[in-house]
Amino acid sequence: MHDRIPEPLKALVEQLSRLPGLGPKSAMRAAMALLKWPEAETRRLGRGIHDLRDNLHLCSRCGGLSSTDPCAVCADAERARDTLCLVTEWDSMLTLDEGGFYHGQYMILGGLLAPLERMDSESLDMDRLVNRLAEGEVNELILALGATLEAENTASFIRQMVRKRFPGVRISRLAQGIPLGAEVKYMDKETLRQSLQFRQDLA
């Protein structure tokens, strides 16, 4: 970074550039925008970032971010306890739950198997998953991990583990294939392959 940039600004830009989607130039623009904010606003932002660590916790049941433990979803007595939807990250859980069409429990895996990125089974929250299944409440484990190669490998790994240790638990996955409103001629080969593999009977 340029030597003429004041040290406090340089330090802030370096920190901001570590955020996803922010390179050095974008971080500099963000820092310059913050300098134009009223002092009270920048201090409120700083307090908000500082308090984030103190006021947010990981839910001991699902691994999601929450200000309470257990989180509101896990503590909801109206939700079904026999289905457990496994997602990669917390924001995937939020997206699924905002739809209002799933009323069971969730579990956050914390990533996907990706050997090139040094994400192995030790990096995943497998202990929490095993403990939840060992309670005996869950009859169905829904894999909602996405449709990437890493997601497929992770789903295969979890499927093998569950079938071996919890043979009574049904394993399902989100349907994959051609999205609503799309035409077959515009689909890639993998999407078409999965659409055929997971085709459904018509009543």
N, C-alpha and C. Protein backbone atom coordinates (compact mmCIF):
# COMPACT_ATOMS: atom_id res chain seq x y z
N MET A 1 0.85 -1.19 0.00
CA MET A 1 0.00 0.00 0.00
C MET A 1 0.89 1.24 0.00
N HIS A 2 0.36 2.32 -0.55
CA HIS A 2 1.15 3.54 -0.75
C HIS A 2 1.70 4.08 0.58
N ASP A 3 2.97 4.51 0.56
CA ASP A 3 3.62 4.98 1.79
C ASP A 3 3.02 6.27 2.32
N ARG A 4 2.36 7.04 1.46
CA ARG A 4 1.83 8.33 1.90
C ARG A 4 0.49 8.19 2.63
N ILE A 5 -0.07 7.03 2.64
CA ILE A 5 -1.34 6.82 3.34
C ILE A 5 -1.08 6.80 4.85
N PRO A 6 -1.81 7.62 5.63
CA PRO A 6 -1.62 7.64 7.09
C PRO A 6 -1.76 6.24 7.69
N GLU A 7 -0.98 5.95 8.68
CA GLU A 7 -0.93 4.61 9.27
C GLU A 7 -2.29 4.11 9.78
N PRO A 8 -3.10 4.97 10.49
CA PRO A 8 -4.41 4.46 10.96
C PRO A 8 -5.31 4.05 9.80
N LEU A 9 -5.29 4.82 8.70
CA LEU A 9 -6.10 4.48 7.54
C LEU A 9 -5.58 3.21 6.87
N LYS A 10 -4.29 3.08 6.79
CA LYS A 10 -3.68 1.90 6.20
C LYS A 10 -4.07 0.64 6.99
N ALA A 11 -4.04 0.74 8.32
CA ALA A 11 -4.39 -0.41 9.17
C ALA A 11 -5.85 -0.81 8.97
N LEU A 12 -6.75 0.19 8.87
CA LEU A 12 -8.17 -0.10 8.67
C LEU A 12 -8.41 -0.76 7.32
N VAL A 13 -7.76 -0.25 6.29
CA VAL A 13 -7.92 -0.82 4.94
C VAL A 13 -7.43 -2.26 4.92
N GLU A 14 -6.33 -2.53 5.59
CA GLU A 14 -5.81 -3.91 5.63
C GLU A 14 -6.79 -4.84 6.31
N GLN A 15 -7.45 -4.36 7.38
CA GLN A 15 -8.45 -5.19 8.07
C GLN A 15 -9.69 -5.40 7.22
N LEU A 16 -10.17 -4.32 6.59
CA LEU A 16 -11.36 -4.42 5.76
C LEU A 16 -11.14 -5.33 4.55
N SER A 17 -9.93 -5.33 4.02
CA SER A 17 -9.65 -6.13 2.82
C SER A 17 -9.67 -7.64 3.11
N ARG A 18 -9.71 -8.02 4.39
CA ARG A 18 -9.83 -9.44 4.74
C ARG A 18 -11.26 -9.94 4.65
N LEU A 19 -12.22 -9.02 4.53
CA LEU A 19 -13.62 -9.42 4.44
C LEU A 19 -13.91 -10.00 3.06
N PRO A 20 -14.83 -10.96 2.97
CA PRO A 20 -15.15 -11.56 1.66
C PRO A 20 -15.64 -10.50 0.68
N GLY A 21 -15.12 -10.54 -0.53
CA GLY A 21 -15.57 -9.62 -1.57
C GLY A 21 -14.93 -8.25 -1.54
N LEU A 22 -14.06 -8.01 -0.59
CA LEU A 22 -13.39 -6.70 -0.51
C LEU A 22 -11.90 -6.86 -0.78
N GLY A 23 -11.45 -6.34 -1.90
CA GLY A 23 -10.02 -6.28 -2.18
C GLY A 23 -9.48 -4.96 -1.65
N PRO A 24 -8.20 -4.69 -1.84
CA PRO A 24 -7.60 -3.45 -1.33
C PRO A 24 -8.30 -2.18 -1.81
N LYS A 25 -8.69 -2.13 -3.10
CA LYS A 25 -9.34 -0.92 -3.63
C LYS A 25 -10.73 -0.74 -3.03
N SER A 26 -11.50 -1.83 -2.96
CA SER A 26 -12.83 -1.75 -2.37
C SER A 26 -12.75 -1.40 -0.88
N ALA A 27 -11.74 -1.95 -0.20
CA ALA A 27 -11.55 -1.65 1.22
C ALA A 27 -11.21 -0.18 1.42
N MET A 28 -10.42 0.38 0.51
CA MET A 28 -10.08 1.80 0.60
C MET A 28 -11.33 2.65 0.40
N ARG A 29 -12.19 2.28 -0.56
CA ARG A 29 -13.43 3.03 -0.78
C ARG A 29 -14.33 2.97 0.46
N ALA A 30 -14.40 1.78 1.07
CA ALA A 30 -15.22 1.62 2.27
C ALA A 30 -14.67 2.47 3.42
N ALA A 31 -13.34 2.47 3.58
CA ALA A 31 -12.71 3.26 4.64
C ALA A 31 -12.95 4.75 4.42
N MET A 32 -12.85 5.20 3.18
CA MET A 32 -13.08 6.63 2.87
C MET A 32 -14.53 7.00 3.13
N ALA A 33 -15.46 6.08 2.85
CA ALA A 33 -16.87 6.34 3.13
C ALA A 33 -17.11 6.47 4.63
N LEU A 34 -16.43 5.60 5.41
CA LEU A 34 -16.56 5.68 6.87
C LEU A 34 -16.06 7.01 7.41
N LEU A 35 -15.01 7.54 6.81
CA LEU A 35 -14.47 8.83 7.25
C LEU A 35 -15.46 9.97 7.03
N LYS A 36 -16.39 9.78 6.10
CA LYS A 36 -17.39 10.83 5.81
C LYS A 36 -18.62 10.72 6.70
N TRP A 37 -18.73 9.59 7.40
CA TRP A 37 -19.87 9.42 8.30
C TRP A 37 -19.74 10.36 9.49
N PRO A 38 -20.89 10.71 10.12
CA PRO A 38 -20.82 11.45 11.39
C PRO A 38 -20.09 10.62 12.44
N GLU A 39 -19.39 11.27 13.34
CA GLU A 39 -18.60 10.55 14.34
C GLU A 39 -19.45 9.58 15.15
N ALA A 40 -20.68 10.00 15.51
CA ALA A 40 -21.55 9.13 16.31
C ALA A 40 -21.86 7.82 15.58
N GLU A 41 -22.01 7.90 14.25
CA GLU A 41 -22.33 6.71 13.46
C GLU A 41 -21.15 5.75 13.41
N THR A 42 -19.94 6.28 13.21
CA THR A 42 -18.77 5.41 13.14
C THR A 42 -18.51 4.76 14.50
N ARG A 43 -18.74 5.50 15.57
CA ARG A 43 -18.55 4.92 16.90
C ARG A 43 -19.60 3.83 17.17
N ARG A 44 -20.83 4.05 16.69
CA ARG A 44 -21.88 3.04 16.86
C ARG A 44 -21.54 1.78 16.09
N LEU A 45 -21.00 1.94 14.88
CA LEU A 45 -20.56 0.79 14.09
C LEU A 45 -19.46 0.03 14.82
N GLY A 46 -18.49 0.77 15.37
CA GLY A 46 -17.40 0.14 16.11
C GLY A 46 -17.90 -0.63 17.32
N ARG A 47 -18.87 -0.05 18.04
CA ARG A 47 -19.44 -0.74 19.20
C ARG A 47 -20.18 -1.99 18.78
N GLY A 48 -20.90 -1.88 17.64
CA GLY A 48 -21.65 -3.03 17.14
C GLY A 48 -20.73 -4.20 16.81
N ILE A 49 -19.60 -3.91 16.17
CA ILE A 49 -18.62 -4.95 15.84
C ILE A 49 -18.02 -5.54 17.12
N HIS A 50 -17.71 -4.66 18.07
CA HIS A 50 -17.12 -5.10 19.34
C HIS A 50 -18.10 -5.98 20.12
N ASP A 51 -19.38 -5.57 20.17
CA ASP A 51 -20.37 -6.30 20.95
C ASP A 51 -20.79 -7.61 20.30
N LEU A 52 -20.54 -7.73 19.00
CA LEU A 52 -20.92 -8.94 18.27
C LEU A 52 -20.35 -10.19 18.94
N ARG A 53 -19.08 -10.11 19.33
CA ARG A 53 -18.42 -11.26 19.97
C ARG A 53 -19.01 -11.57 21.33
N ASP A 54 -19.40 -10.51 22.07
CA ASP A 54 -19.89 -10.72 23.44
C ASP A 54 -21.34 -11.19 23.48
N ASN A 55 -22.14 -10.74 22.51
CA ASN A 55 -23.58 -10.98 22.58
C ASN A 55 -24.08 -12.14 21.72
N LEU A 56 -23.24 -12.64 20.80
CA LEU A 56 -23.64 -13.76 19.97
C LEU A 56 -22.93 -15.04 20.42
N HIS A 57 -23.65 -16.14 20.37
CA HIS A 57 -23.09 -17.43 20.76
C HIS A 57 -23.47 -18.48 19.72
N LEU A 58 -22.82 -19.61 19.76
CA LEU A 58 -23.23 -20.74 18.94
C LEU A 58 -24.23 -21.56 19.73
N CYS A 59 -25.36 -21.86 19.11
CA CYS A 59 -26.37 -22.69 19.75
C CYS A 59 -25.79 -24.09 19.98
N SER A 60 -25.93 -24.60 21.17
CA SER A 60 -25.36 -25.91 21.50
C SER A 60 -26.10 -27.05 20.79
N ARG A 61 -27.33 -26.77 20.30
CA ARG A 61 -28.11 -27.80 19.63
C ARG A 61 -27.81 -27.87 18.13
N CYS A 62 -27.86 -26.72 17.46
CA CYS A 62 -27.74 -26.73 15.99
C CYS A 62 -26.44 -26.11 15.49
N GLY A 63 -25.74 -25.35 16.33
CA GLY A 63 -24.51 -24.70 15.89
C GLY A 63 -24.73 -23.37 15.22
N GLY A 64 -25.97 -22.86 15.24
CA GLY A 64 -26.29 -21.57 14.63
C GLY A 64 -25.96 -20.41 15.54
N LEU A 65 -25.86 -19.22 14.94
CA LEU A 65 -25.61 -18.01 15.70
C LEU A 65 -26.88 -17.57 16.40
N SER A 66 -26.75 -17.18 17.66
CA SER A 66 -27.92 -16.76 18.42
C SER A 66 -27.48 -15.94 19.62
N SER A 67 -28.39 -15.14 20.14
CA SER A 67 -28.12 -14.41 21.38
C SER A 67 -28.56 -15.23 22.59
N THR A 68 -29.21 -16.37 22.35
CA THR A 68 -29.62 -17.27 23.44
C THR A 68 -29.16 -18.68 23.13
N ASP A 69 -29.10 -19.52 24.15
CA ASP A 69 -28.75 -20.93 23.96
C ASP A 69 -29.73 -21.79 24.77
N PRO A 70 -30.56 -22.60 24.13
CA PRO A 70 -30.61 -22.84 22.68
C PRO A 70 -31.22 -21.67 21.93
N CYS A 71 -31.04 -21.67 20.61
CA CYS A 71 -31.57 -20.60 19.77
C CYS A 71 -33.09 -20.71 19.70
N ALA A 72 -33.73 -19.70 19.13
CA ALA A 72 -35.20 -19.66 19.06
C ALA A 72 -35.76 -20.82 18.26
N VAL A 73 -35.06 -21.25 17.21
CA VAL A 73 -35.55 -22.36 16.38
C VAL A 73 -35.52 -23.66 17.17
N CYS A 74 -34.40 -23.93 17.84
CA CYS A 74 -34.28 -25.17 18.61
C CYS A 74 -35.20 -25.19 19.83
N ALA A 75 -35.48 -24.02 20.37
CA ALA A 75 -36.32 -23.93 21.56
C ALA A 75 -37.82 -23.95 21.23
N ASP A 76 -38.16 -23.85 19.97
CA ASP A 76 -39.56 -23.80 19.55
C ASP A 76 -40.21 -25.17 19.72
N ALA A 77 -41.12 -25.28 20.67
CA ALA A 77 -41.78 -26.56 20.97
C ALA A 77 -42.74 -26.99 19.87
N GLU A 78 -43.11 -26.07 18.98
CA GLU A 78 -44.04 -26.39 17.90
C GLU A 78 -43.36 -27.10 16.73
N ARG A 79 -42.02 -27.06 16.68
CA ARG A 79 -41.31 -27.66 15.55
C ARG A 79 -41.18 -29.17 15.72
N ALA A 80 -41.29 -29.89 14.61
CA ALA A 80 -41.15 -31.35 14.65
C ALA A 80 -39.72 -31.72 15.05
N ARG A 81 -39.59 -32.73 15.87
CA ARG A 81 -38.27 -33.13 16.36
C ARG A 81 -37.77 -34.42 15.71
N ASP A 82 -38.58 -34.97 14.78
CA ASP A 82 -38.16 -36.22 14.16
C ASP A 82 -37.47 -36.02 12.81
N THR A 83 -37.42 -34.77 12.32
CA THR A 83 -36.68 -34.49 11.08
C THR A 83 -35.56 -33.50 11.38
N LEU A 84 -34.40 -33.77 10.82
CA LEU A 84 -33.23 -32.92 11.03
C LEU A 84 -32.67 -32.55 9.67
N CYS A 85 -32.64 -31.26 9.37
CA CYS A 85 -32.14 -30.78 8.08
C CYS A 85 -30.70 -30.31 8.27
N LEU A 86 -29.78 -30.96 7.55
CA LEU A 86 -28.36 -30.65 7.67
C LEU A 86 -27.96 -29.65 6.60
N VAL A 87 -27.47 -28.48 7.02
CA VAL A 87 -27.03 -27.44 6.09
C VAL A 87 -25.55 -27.15 6.33
N THR A 88 -24.94 -26.47 5.36
CA THR A 88 -23.51 -26.20 5.45
C THR A 88 -23.21 -25.06 6.41
N GLU A 89 -23.93 -23.95 6.24
CA GLU A 89 -23.67 -22.75 7.03
C GLU A 89 -24.97 -22.19 7.58
N TRP A 90 -24.83 -21.26 8.51
CA TRP A 90 -25.98 -20.66 9.19
C TRP A 90 -26.88 -19.91 8.23
N ASP A 91 -26.30 -19.20 7.23
CA ASP A 91 -27.14 -18.43 6.32
C ASP A 91 -28.00 -19.34 5.44
N SER A 92 -27.56 -20.57 5.21
CA SER A 92 -28.41 -21.52 4.47
C SER A 92 -29.62 -21.90 5.31
N MET A 93 -29.42 -22.04 6.60
CA MET A 93 -30.52 -22.32 7.51
C MET A 93 -31.53 -21.17 7.50
N LEU A 94 -31.03 -19.93 7.53
CA LEU A 94 -31.92 -18.77 7.50
C LEU A 94 -32.75 -18.76 6.23
N THR A 95 -32.11 -19.01 5.09
CA THR A 95 -32.81 -19.00 3.81
C THR A 95 -33.91 -20.05 3.78
N LEU A 96 -33.60 -21.27 4.23
CA LEU A 96 -34.61 -22.33 4.24
C LEU A 96 -35.76 -21.99 5.19
N ASP A 97 -35.43 -21.46 6.34
CA ASP A 97 -36.47 -21.21 7.34
C ASP A 97 -37.35 -20.03 6.98
N GLU A 98 -36.81 -19.05 6.26
CA GLU A 98 -37.61 -17.90 5.86
C GLU A 98 -38.74 -18.30 4.93
N GLY A 99 -38.55 -19.41 4.21
CA GLY A 99 -39.61 -19.87 3.31
C GLY A 99 -40.86 -20.30 4.04
N GLY A 100 -40.71 -20.76 5.28
CA GLY A 100 -41.86 -21.17 6.08
C GLY A 100 -42.46 -22.51 5.71
N PHE A 101 -41.77 -23.30 4.86
CA PHE A 101 -42.32 -24.58 4.43
C PHE A 101 -41.66 -25.76 5.11
N TYR A 102 -40.68 -25.54 5.95
CA TYR A 102 -40.05 -26.63 6.71
C TYR A 102 -40.21 -26.32 8.19
N HIS A 103 -40.69 -27.31 8.94
CA HIS A 103 -41.00 -27.07 10.35
C HIS A 103 -40.30 -28.06 11.28
N GLY A 104 -39.15 -28.57 10.84
CA GLY A 104 -38.39 -29.48 11.68
C GLY A 104 -37.18 -28.79 12.30
N GLN A 105 -36.20 -29.60 12.68
CA GLN A 105 -34.99 -29.09 13.32
C GLN A 105 -33.88 -28.91 12.28
N TYR A 106 -32.84 -28.17 12.67
CA TYR A 106 -31.69 -27.93 11.80
C TYR A 106 -30.39 -28.34 12.49
N MET A 107 -29.40 -28.55 11.68
CA MET A 107 -28.03 -28.78 12.17
C MET A 107 -27.08 -28.14 11.16
N ILE A 108 -26.11 -27.38 11.66
CA ILE A 108 -25.14 -26.72 10.79
C ILE A 108 -23.84 -27.50 10.82
N LEU A 109 -23.41 -27.93 9.64
CA LEU A 109 -22.23 -28.79 9.53
C LEU A 109 -20.93 -28.00 9.63
N GLY A 110 -20.96 -26.74 9.20
CA GLY A 110 -19.77 -25.89 9.33
C GLY A 110 -18.80 -25.97 8.17
N GLY A 111 -19.26 -26.52 7.03
CA GLY A 111 -18.38 -26.60 5.86
C GLY A 111 -18.65 -27.86 5.06
N LEU A 112 -17.79 -28.07 4.07
CA LEU A 112 -17.87 -29.25 3.21
C LEU A 112 -16.50 -29.87 3.08
N LEU A 113 -16.46 -31.14 2.76
CA LEU A 113 -15.18 -31.80 2.54
C LEU A 113 -14.51 -31.20 1.30
N ALA A 114 -13.32 -30.65 1.48
CA ALA A 114 -12.59 -30.04 0.38
C ALA A 114 -11.10 -30.21 0.65
N PRO A 115 -10.53 -31.37 0.27
CA PRO A 115 -9.12 -31.67 0.59
C PRO A 115 -8.14 -30.59 0.12
N LEU A 116 -8.40 -29.98 -1.05
CA LEU A 116 -7.48 -28.96 -1.56
C LEU A 116 -7.46 -27.72 -0.68
N GLU A 117 -8.56 -27.50 0.05
CA GLU A 117 -8.63 -26.36 0.97
C GLU A 117 -8.39 -26.80 2.41
N ARG A 118 -7.90 -28.02 2.56
CA ARG A 118 -7.60 -28.60 3.88
C ARG A 118 -8.83 -28.69 4.77
N MET A 119 -9.98 -28.94 4.15
CA MET A 119 -11.21 -29.17 4.90
C MET A 119 -11.49 -30.67 4.87
N ASP A 120 -11.12 -31.36 5.96
CA ASP A 120 -11.38 -32.78 6.06
C ASP A 120 -12.50 -33.03 7.07
N SER A 121 -12.76 -34.28 7.37
CA SER A 121 -13.86 -34.60 8.28
C SER A 121 -13.66 -34.02 9.68
N GLU A 122 -12.40 -33.79 10.06
CA GLU A 122 -12.11 -33.19 11.36
C GLU A 122 -12.57 -31.74 11.42
N SER A 123 -12.71 -31.10 10.25
CA SER A 123 -13.12 -29.69 10.19
C SER A 123 -14.64 -29.54 10.29
N LEU A 124 -15.37 -30.64 10.12
CA LEU A 124 -16.82 -30.59 10.17
C LEU A 124 -17.32 -30.89 11.58
N ASP A 125 -18.53 -30.41 11.86
CA ASP A 125 -19.10 -30.59 13.21
C ASP A 125 -19.80 -31.95 13.31
N MET A 126 -19.03 -33.01 13.10
CA MET A 126 -19.60 -34.35 13.09
C MET A 126 -20.02 -34.80 14.48
N ASP A 127 -19.29 -34.38 15.51
CA ASP A 127 -19.64 -34.80 16.87
C ASP A 127 -21.03 -34.33 17.26
N ARG A 128 -21.36 -33.08 16.91
CA ARG A 128 -22.68 -32.55 17.23
C ARG A 128 -23.76 -33.35 16.49
N LEU A 129 -23.50 -33.69 15.22
CA LEU A 129 -24.46 -34.47 14.45
C LEU A 129 -24.65 -35.86 15.06
N VAL A 130 -23.56 -36.53 15.39
CA VAL A 130 -23.64 -37.86 15.99
C VAL A 130 -24.41 -37.81 17.30
N ASN A 131 -24.15 -36.80 18.12
CA ASN A 131 -24.85 -36.67 19.41
C ASN A 131 -26.35 -36.47 19.22
N ARG A 132 -26.72 -35.67 18.21
CA ARG A 132 -28.15 -35.44 17.96
C ARG A 132 -28.83 -36.73 17.50
N LEU A 133 -28.19 -37.45 16.61
CA LEU A 133 -28.78 -38.70 16.12
C LEU A 133 -28.84 -39.76 17.22
N ALA A 134 -27.85 -39.73 18.11
CA ALA A 134 -27.81 -40.71 19.20
C ALA A 134 -28.93 -40.50 20.21
N GLU A 135 -29.54 -39.30 20.24
CA GLU A 135 -30.65 -39.05 21.15
C GLU A 135 -31.86 -39.91 20.80
N GLY A 136 -31.96 -40.35 19.54
CA GLY A 136 -33.03 -41.25 19.13
C GLY A 136 -34.31 -40.57 18.67
N GLU A 137 -34.36 -39.24 18.66
CA GLU A 137 -35.57 -38.53 18.23
C GLU A 137 -35.69 -38.45 16.72
N VAL A 138 -34.55 -38.35 16.03
CA VAL A 138 -34.55 -38.09 14.59
C VAL A 138 -34.81 -39.37 13.80
N ASN A 139 -35.86 -39.32 12.97
CA ASN A 139 -36.19 -40.43 12.08
C ASN A 139 -35.68 -40.20 10.67
N GLU A 140 -35.55 -38.91 10.29
CA GLU A 140 -35.10 -38.58 8.93
C GLU A 140 -34.06 -37.47 8.97
N LEU A 141 -32.96 -37.71 8.27
CA LEU A 141 -31.91 -36.71 8.11
C LEU A 141 -31.98 -36.19 6.67
N ILE A 142 -32.26 -34.89 6.53
CA ILE A 142 -32.37 -34.27 5.21
C ILE A 142 -31.06 -33.57 4.89
N LEU A 143 -30.40 -33.98 3.82
CA LEU A 143 -29.14 -33.35 3.42
C LEU A 143 -29.45 -32.19 2.48
N ALA A 144 -29.16 -30.98 2.95
CA ALA A 144 -29.37 -29.76 2.15
C ALA A 144 -28.03 -29.05 2.02
N LEU A 145 -27.11 -29.71 1.32
CA LEU A 145 -25.72 -29.25 1.26
C LEU A 145 -25.34 -28.58 -0.05
N GLY A 146 -26.26 -28.54 -1.02
CA GLY A 146 -25.94 -27.95 -2.31
C GLY A 146 -25.68 -29.00 -3.37
N ALA A 147 -25.24 -28.55 -4.54
CA ALA A 147 -25.06 -29.46 -5.67
C ALA A 147 -23.65 -29.39 -6.26
N THR A 148 -22.68 -28.99 -5.47
CA THR A 148 -21.29 -28.95 -5.94
C THR A 148 -20.64 -30.31 -5.75
N LEU A 149 -19.46 -30.48 -6.32
CA LEU A 149 -18.72 -31.73 -6.15
C LEU A 149 -18.39 -31.94 -4.67
N GLU A 150 -18.02 -30.86 -3.97
CA GLU A 150 -17.71 -30.95 -2.54
C GLU A 150 -18.94 -31.38 -1.75
N ALA A 151 -20.10 -30.85 -2.13
CA ALA A 151 -21.34 -31.22 -1.45
C ALA A 151 -21.67 -32.69 -1.68
N GLU A 152 -21.45 -33.16 -2.91
CA GLU A 152 -21.71 -34.58 -3.23
C GLU A 152 -20.81 -35.49 -2.41
N ASN A 153 -19.52 -35.14 -2.32
CA ASN A 153 -18.57 -35.95 -1.55
C ASN A 153 -18.93 -35.95 -0.07
N THR A 154 -19.34 -34.79 0.43
CA THR A 154 -19.71 -34.68 1.84
C THR A 154 -20.96 -35.49 2.13
N ALA A 155 -21.94 -35.41 1.22
CA ALA A 155 -23.18 -36.17 1.39
C ALA A 155 -22.90 -37.67 1.40
N SER A 156 -22.00 -38.12 0.54
CA SER A 156 -21.64 -39.53 0.49
C SER A 156 -20.97 -39.97 1.79
N PHE A 157 -20.08 -39.13 2.31
CA PHE A 157 -19.39 -39.42 3.57
C PHE A 157 -20.39 -39.53 4.73
N ILE A 158 -21.32 -38.59 4.81
CA ILE A 158 -22.31 -38.59 5.90
C ILE A 158 -23.26 -39.76 5.75
N ARG A 159 -23.66 -40.06 4.53
CA ARG A 159 -24.56 -41.18 4.28
C ARG A 159 -23.95 -42.49 4.77
N GLN A 160 -22.69 -42.70 4.48
CA GLN A 160 -22.01 -43.93 4.92
C GLN A 160 -21.95 -44.00 6.44
N MET A 161 -21.63 -42.87 7.07
CA MET A 161 -21.53 -42.84 8.53
C MET A 161 -22.87 -43.13 9.18
N VAL A 162 -23.93 -42.48 8.69
CA VAL A 162 -25.26 -42.65 9.28
C VAL A 162 -25.77 -44.07 9.09
N ARG A 163 -25.60 -44.62 7.89
CA ARG A 163 -26.08 -45.99 7.63
C ARG A 163 -25.37 -47.01 8.50
N LYS A 164 -24.12 -46.74 8.81
CA LYS A 164 -23.35 -47.66 9.64
C LYS A 164 -23.73 -47.55 11.11
N ARG A 165 -23.86 -46.32 11.61
CA ARG A 165 -24.08 -46.11 13.05
C ARG A 165 -25.55 -45.97 13.44
N PHE A 166 -26.38 -45.47 12.49
CA PHE A 166 -27.80 -45.24 12.80
C PHE A 166 -28.66 -45.77 11.65
N PRO A 167 -28.69 -47.09 11.48
CA PRO A 167 -29.38 -47.68 10.33
C PRO A 167 -30.88 -47.40 10.29
N GLY A 168 -31.46 -47.03 11.42
CA GLY A 168 -32.90 -46.76 11.44
C GLY A 168 -33.27 -45.37 10.97
N VAL A 169 -32.28 -44.52 10.72
CA VAL A 169 -32.54 -43.14 10.30
C VAL A 169 -32.62 -43.08 8.77
N ARG A 170 -33.73 -42.57 8.27
CA ARG A 170 -33.89 -42.38 6.82
C ARG A 170 -33.03 -41.19 6.38
N ILE A 171 -32.36 -41.31 5.24
CA ILE A 171 -31.53 -40.23 4.71
C ILE A 171 -32.15 -39.76 3.41
N SER A 172 -32.44 -38.46 3.32
CA SER A 172 -32.99 -37.90 2.10
C SER A 172 -32.16 -36.67 1.71
N ARG A 173 -32.46 -36.12 0.55
CA ARG A 173 -31.75 -34.93 0.11
C ARG A 173 -32.73 -34.02 -0.61
N LEU A 174 -32.36 -32.75 -0.74
CA LEU A 174 -33.20 -31.84 -1.51
C LEU A 174 -33.20 -32.28 -2.97
N ALA A 175 -34.35 -32.17 -3.62
CA ALA A 175 -34.44 -32.52 -5.04
C ALA A 175 -33.55 -31.58 -5.84
N GLN A 176 -32.91 -32.12 -6.86
CA GLN A 176 -32.03 -31.33 -7.70
C GLN A 176 -32.41 -31.52 -9.14
N GLY A 177 -32.17 -30.52 -9.95
CA GLY A 177 -32.48 -30.65 -11.36
C GLY A 177 -32.83 -29.33 -12.00
N ILE A 178 -33.74 -29.37 -12.97
CA ILE A 178 -34.07 -28.19 -13.77
C ILE A 178 -34.89 -27.22 -12.93
N PRO A 179 -34.44 -25.96 -12.81
CA PRO A 179 -35.19 -24.98 -12.02
C PRO A 179 -36.49 -24.56 -12.71
N LEU A 180 -37.43 -24.09 -11.93
CA LEU A 180 -38.72 -23.65 -12.44
C LEU A 180 -38.52 -22.51 -13.44
N GLY A 181 -39.16 -22.62 -14.59
CA GLY A 181 -39.08 -21.58 -15.59
C GLY A 181 -37.95 -21.76 -16.60
N ALA A 182 -37.13 -22.81 -16.43
CA ALA A 182 -36.00 -23.02 -17.34
C ALA A 182 -36.37 -24.02 -18.43
N GLU A 183 -35.62 -23.97 -19.53
CA GLU A 183 -35.82 -24.90 -20.64
C GLU A 183 -34.68 -25.90 -20.69
N VAL A 184 -35.01 -27.13 -21.11
CA VAL A 184 -34.03 -28.22 -21.15
C VAL A 184 -32.83 -27.85 -22.01
N LYS A 185 -33.07 -27.20 -23.15
CA LYS A 185 -31.98 -26.92 -24.09
C LYS A 185 -30.92 -25.97 -23.51
N TYR A 186 -31.24 -25.27 -22.44
CA TYR A 186 -30.26 -24.35 -21.84
C TYR A 186 -29.55 -24.93 -20.62
N MET A 187 -29.88 -26.16 -20.28
CA MET A 187 -29.31 -26.77 -19.07
C MET A 187 -27.93 -27.37 -19.34
N ASP A 188 -27.05 -27.33 -18.33
CA ASP A 188 -25.75 -27.99 -18.45
C ASP A 188 -25.92 -29.49 -18.23
N LYS A 189 -24.93 -30.27 -18.64
CA LYS A 189 -25.03 -31.73 -18.62
C LYS A 189 -25.23 -32.29 -17.22
N GLU A 190 -24.55 -31.70 -16.21
CA GLU A 190 -24.67 -32.22 -14.84
C GLU A 190 -26.07 -32.00 -14.30
N THR A 191 -26.65 -30.84 -14.60
CA THR A 191 -28.02 -30.57 -14.15
C THR A 191 -28.99 -31.56 -14.80
N LEU A 192 -28.80 -31.84 -16.08
CA LEU A 192 -29.65 -32.80 -16.77
C LEU A 192 -29.46 -34.20 -16.22
N ARG A 193 -28.22 -34.56 -15.91
CA ARG A 193 -27.94 -35.89 -15.35
C ARG A 193 -28.68 -36.07 -14.04
N GLN A 194 -28.60 -35.04 -13.17
CA GLN A 194 -29.26 -35.14 -11.87
C GLN A 194 -30.77 -35.09 -12.01
N SER A 195 -31.26 -34.35 -13.00
CA SER A 195 -32.71 -34.29 -13.23
C SER A 195 -33.25 -35.67 -13.61
N LEU A 196 -32.49 -36.39 -14.42
CA LEU A 196 -32.90 -37.75 -14.80
C LEU A 196 -32.76 -38.72 -13.62
N GLN A 197 -31.65 -38.57 -12.88
CA GLN A 197 -31.39 -39.49 -11.76
C GLN A 197 -32.44 -39.35 -10.68
N PHE A 198 -32.87 -38.13 -10.42
CA PHE A 198 -33.84 -37.89 -9.33
C PHE A 198 -35.22 -37.57 -9.87
N ARG A 199 -35.56 -38.16 -11.02
CA ARG A 199 -36.88 -37.94 -11.62
C ARG A 199 -37.96 -38.49 -10.70
N GLN A 200 -39.15 -37.93 -10.82
CA GLN A 200 -40.26 -38.30 -9.93
C GLN A 200 -41.41 -38.91 -10.72
N ASP A 201 -42.14 -39.80 -10.07
CA ASP A 201 -43.33 -40.38 -10.68
C ASP A 201 -44.45 -39.34 -10.73
N LEU A 202 -45.24 -39.37 -11.77
CA LEU A 202 -46.41 -38.50 -11.86
C LEU A 202 -47.63 -39.30 -11.42
N ALA A 203 -48.39 -38.72 -10.53
CA ALA A 203 -49.57 -39.43 -10.01
C ALA A 203 -50.64 -39.55 -11.08
